[in-house]
Protein backbone atom coordinates (compact mmCIF):
# COMPACT_ATOMS: atom_id res chain seq x y z
CA MET A 1 0.00 0.00 0.00
CA GLN A 2 1.35 3.40 -1.02
CA ARG A 3 1.51 6.13 1.64
CA VAL A 4 0.92 9.77 0.68
CA THR A 5 1.14 13.03 2.63
CA ASN A 6 -0.26 16.42 1.69
CA CYS A 7 -0.96 19.74 3.36
CA ILE A 8 -3.73 22.31 3.20
CA LEU A 9 -1.84 25.59 3.58
CA ILE A 10 -4.12 28.41 4.72
CA ASN A 11 -3.12 32.06 4.34
CA ASN A 12 -5.39 35.15 4.38
CA ASN A 13 -8.57 33.10 3.77
CA HIS A 14 -6.96 31.37 0.78
CA ILE A 15 -5.70 27.82 0.29
CA LEU A 16 -2.72 26.94 -1.89
CA LEU A 17 -3.77 24.27 -4.40
CA LEU A 18 -2.19 22.50 -7.32
CA LYS A 19 -4.13 22.33 -10.60
CA LYS A 20 -3.17 19.03 -12.21
CA PRO A 21 -2.86 19.17 -16.01
CA ARG A 22 -4.26 15.70 -16.80
CA ARG A 23 -7.82 16.31 -15.55
CA GLY A 24 -7.70 20.01 -14.76
CA TRP A 25 -8.64 19.11 -11.17
CA TYR A 26 -7.27 20.93 -8.16
CA ALA A 27 -5.41 18.90 -5.55
CA ILE A 28 -3.65 19.45 -2.25
CA PRO A 29 0.14 19.71 -2.72
CA GLY A 30 2.00 16.65 -1.48
CA GLY A 31 3.21 13.25 -2.58
CA LYS A 32 4.55 9.82 -1.78
CA MET A 33 6.36 9.03 1.42
CA GLU A 34 9.85 7.63 1.11
CA GLN A 35 10.85 4.42 2.84
CA GLY A 36 11.65 5.02 6.52
CA GLU A 37 10.45 8.63 6.39
CA SER A 38 8.23 10.04 9.14
CA ILE A 39 4.77 11.28 8.17
CA LYS A 40 5.53 14.86 9.27
CA GLY A 41 8.96 14.81 7.62
CA SER A 42 7.35 13.60 4.40
CA VAL A 43 4.76 16.37 4.24
CA ILE A 44 7.37 19.06 4.88
CA ARG A 45 9.67 17.64 2.19
CA GLU A 46 6.94 16.99 -0.40
CA PHE A 47 5.35 20.41 0.08
CA TRP A 48 8.71 22.14 -0.29
CA GLU A 49 9.57 20.12 -3.43
CA GLU A 50 6.36 21.27 -5.14
CA THR A 51 6.08 24.84 -3.86
CA ASP A 52 9.47 26.07 -2.53
CA LEU A 53 7.63 26.90 0.72
CA ARG A 54 8.71 25.57 4.12
CA LEU A 55 5.79 24.58 6.32
CA LYS A 56 6.00 25.63 9.98
CA ASN A 57 4.15 23.45 12.49
CA PRO A 58 1.88 21.44 10.19
CA GLU A 59 -0.78 19.56 12.18
CA LEU A 60 -2.30 16.23 11.19
CA ALA A 61 -5.96 16.79 10.24
CA SER A 62 -7.06 13.53 8.65
CA VAL A 63 -6.09 9.97 7.74
CA PHE A 64 -7.79 8.16 4.86
CA THR A 65 -7.58 5.01 2.84
CA PHE A 66 -8.37 5.17 -0.87
CA THR A 67 -9.20 2.25 -3.12
CA VAL A 68 -9.71 2.36 -6.87
CA TYR A 69 -11.62 -0.38 -8.67
CA ASN A 70 -12.05 -1.49 -12.27
CA ASP A 71 -15.47 -3.10 -11.90
CA ILE A 72 -14.73 -5.60 -9.10
CA ALA A 73 -10.93 -5.73 -9.47
CA LEU A 74 -8.82 -3.64 -7.10
CA VAL A 75 -6.51 -1.46 -9.21
CA GLN A 76 -4.89 0.78 -6.62
CA GLU A 77 -4.84 1.36 -2.87
CA TRP A 78 -3.15 4.02 -0.81
CA MET A 79 -3.25 5.73 2.58
CA MET A 80 -3.24 9.52 2.77
CA PHE A 81 -2.23 11.70 5.72
CA THR A 82 -3.53 15.27 5.31
CA PHE A 83 -2.06 18.09 7.34
CA VAL A 84 -3.18 21.68 7.88
CA CYS A 85 -0.77 24.57 8.29
CA ARG A 86 -1.10 28.33 8.67
CA GLU A 87 2.56 29.31 8.87
CA PHE A 88 5.28 29.05 6.25
CA SER A 89 8.45 30.67 5.00
CA GLY A 90 9.92 31.20 1.56
CA GLU A 91 8.65 32.44 -1.79
CA LEU A 92 6.22 30.43 -3.90
CA THR A 93 7.91 28.96 -6.96
CA ASP A 94 6.98 30.27 -10.40
CA TYR A 95 7.11 26.74 -11.83
CA CYS A 96 5.94 23.39 -10.52
CA ASN A 97 6.42 20.32 -12.71
CA GLU A 98 3.26 18.77 -11.16
CA GLY A 99 0.92 21.53 -12.41
CA GLU A 100 -0.10 25.13 -11.65
CA LEU A 101 -0.01 26.43 -8.09
CA GLU A 102 -2.83 28.79 -7.20
CA TRP A 103 -4.11 30.54 -4.06
CA ILE A 104 -7.87 29.84 -4.02
CA PRO A 105 -10.25 31.86 -1.79
CA PHE A 106 -12.21 29.79 0.77
CA GLU A 107 -15.53 30.67 -0.87
CA GLU A 108 -14.42 29.20 -4.23
CA ILE A 109 -13.28 25.81 -2.87
CA GLY A 110 -16.71 24.23 -3.37
CA ASN A 111 -16.93 25.40 -6.99
CA ILE A 112 -13.62 24.33 -8.52
CA PRO A 113 -13.04 20.94 -10.19
CA MET A 114 -11.60 18.31 -7.84
CA ALA A 115 -12.12 14.76 -6.64
CA GLU A 116 -15.38 14.47 -4.68
CA GLY A 117 -13.54 13.02 -1.69
CA ASP A 118 -11.36 16.13 -1.55
CA ARG A 119 -14.51 18.28 -1.22
CA LYS A 120 -15.41 16.32 1.90
CA ILE A 121 -11.90 16.77 3.28
CA PHE A 122 -12.03 20.56 2.72
CA HIS A 123 -15.48 20.82 4.27
CA HIS A 124 -14.21 19.09 7.41
CA VAL A 125 -10.91 20.97 7.69
CA LEU A 126 -12.55 24.37 7.22
CA SER A 127 -15.25 23.66 9.80
CA SER A 128 -13.58 21.53 12.51
CA ASP A 129 -10.34 21.03 14.40
CA GLU A 130 -11.12 17.35 15.09
CA LEU A 131 -8.96 14.64 13.55
CA LEU A 132 -10.94 12.92 10.78
CA TYR A 133 -10.56 9.30 9.66
CA GLY A 134 -12.21 7.73 6.66
CA SER A 135 -12.14 5.73 3.48
CA PHE A 136 -13.01 6.53 -0.12
CA VAL A 137 -13.78 4.09 -2.94
CA TYR A 138 -13.42 5.29 -6.54
CA THR A 139 -13.77 3.93 -10.06
CA GLU A 140 -10.75 4.10 -12.36
CA ASN A 141 -12.19 7.37 -13.72
CA TYR A 142 -12.24 8.71 -10.15
CA ASP A 143 -15.99 8.72 -9.78
CA LEU A 144 -16.71 8.39 -6.06
CA ILE A 145 -18.55 5.10 -5.42
CA GLU A 146 -18.79 5.29 -1.64
CA TYR A 147 -17.11 6.79 1.39
CA HIS A 148 -17.09 6.56 5.17
CA LEU A 149 -16.01 9.32 7.55
CA ASP A 150 -15.37 8.78 11.25
CA GLN A 151 -14.29 11.48 13.70
């Protein structure tokens, strides 16, 4: 099972997101954990690699499992650790090889294209400080089949 970390960086009622070129969907900056790496160390490294920004005091906000199915066959499975952070240093890079980085106002988060599970993550993070656990099941085209959230 692949392990992934990402971070919702909040600044002046905006969230830094990454618009992925393949689907045109917005995603939370982050990526795959390296072998032996701590979860917090991974999110700091991955975020910096994509944005040139150094997170200060990121806090774990949610832990999820994701499964992707082709009909009944399991195609992919991963675990995602999402952090929230409000402090950072550095200057945002002008170029990210993963896509376009954009500061999105809170009020636009519900209207931009993204995976449906991500909408549920944002709703929780922007309305609660509780740690959220859950699971999401998607088709290969990333249509959300079902999900379970547990605080």
